[in-house]
Amino acid sequence: MNVGTGTTTPIRDLWAVLAGPSAPGPTFAAARAGDIGRVALSPTRARIHLSWAPWTDLQTGLRAVRTGHPDG
């Protein structure tokens, strides 16, 4: 089961969190036929079947992953 918060995050926002404020911005290309514009995973099935609900915002979650990664 995939789980998420039900909230979309623009690529620019994700880049800013991962790369940091002093990093150059990402490079974009034109959208291709079939590209998906946005995706948000719903927490509904996880709430029903697992009694699970999202509790971590994007910045906190990514910071925790980065801290736990061997490259820190």
Protein backbone atom coordinates (compact mmCIF):
# COMPACT_ATOMS: atom_id res chain seq x y z
CA MET A 1 0.00 0.00 0.00
CA ASN A 2 1.38 3.42 -0.96
CA VAL A 3 0.72 6.11 1.61
CA GLY A 4 1.00 9.86 1.51
CA THR A 5 -0.42 13.04 2.95
CA GLY A 6 -2.79 13.81 0.09
CA THR A 7 -0.83 17.02 -0.53
CA THR A 8 1.11 17.76 -3.71
CA THR A 9 4.60 19.27 -3.52
CA PRO A 10 5.88 21.30 -6.48
CA ILE A 11 9.30 20.21 -7.81
CA ARG A 12 10.74 23.65 -6.98
CA ASP A 13 9.74 23.23 -3.32
CA LEU A 14 11.16 19.70 -3.16
CA TRP A 15 14.40 20.92 -4.76
CA ALA A 16 14.69 23.78 -2.26
CA VAL A 17 14.35 21.37 0.68
CA LEU A 18 16.80 18.80 -0.72
CA ALA A 19 19.41 21.06 -2.32
CA GLY A 20 19.31 23.94 0.16
CA PRO A 21 18.70 27.64 -0.30
CA SER A 22 22.13 28.46 -1.76
CA ALA A 23 22.01 25.78 -4.48
CA PRO A 24 21.25 26.81 -8.06
CA GLY A 25 17.70 26.12 -9.17
CA PRO A 26 16.71 22.98 -11.06
CA THR A 27 16.77 22.87 -14.86
CA PHE A 28 13.43 22.14 -16.51
CA ALA A 29 12.60 20.87 -19.98
CA ALA A 30 9.32 21.12 -21.85
CA ALA A 31 6.67 18.64 -20.77
CA ARG A 32 6.49 15.50 -22.88
CA ALA A 33 3.35 13.80 -24.14
CA GLY A 34 2.10 11.53 -21.37
CA ASP A 35 3.93 13.33 -18.54
CA ILE A 36 1.88 13.50 -15.36
CA GLY A 37 1.29 17.04 -14.12
CA ARG A 38 0.91 16.28 -10.43
CA VAL A 39 0.41 13.35 -8.07
CA ALA A 40 -0.85 13.20 -4.50
CA LEU A 41 -1.10 9.90 -2.64
CA SER A 42 -4.21 9.65 -0.50
CA PRO A 43 -3.90 8.47 3.11
CA THR A 44 -7.50 7.16 3.09
CA ARG A 45 -6.81 3.42 2.60
CA ALA A 46 -4.01 3.49 5.17
CA ARG A 47 -6.32 5.21 7.64
CA ILE A 48 -9.09 2.63 7.08
CA HIS A 49 -6.96 -0.52 7.00
CA LEU A 50 -3.98 0.39 9.19
CA SER A 51 -5.36 3.15 11.42
CA TRP A 52 -2.51 5.28 10.05
CA ALA A 53 -2.44 9.03 9.50
CA PRO A 54 0.38 11.27 8.23
CA TRP A 55 2.12 13.17 11.02
CA THR A 56 5.34 14.49 9.48
CA ASP A 57 5.62 17.45 7.15
CA LEU A 58 7.94 17.26 4.13
CA GLN A 59 10.86 19.24 5.58
CA THR A 60 10.88 17.32 8.87
CA GLY A 61 10.63 13.95 7.13
CA LEU A 62 13.41 14.67 4.64
CA ARG A 63 15.63 16.05 7.40
CA ALA A 64 15.11 12.81 9.36
CA VAL A 65 16.00 10.71 6.31
CA ARG A 66 19.10 12.81 5.63
CA THR A 67 20.21 12.60 9.28
CA GLY A 68 19.82 8.82 9.29
CA HIS A 69 21.68 8.39 5.98
CA PRO A 70 25.36 7.32 6.24
CA ASP A 71 26.44 10.42 4.25
CA GLY A 72 24.51 12.57 6.76
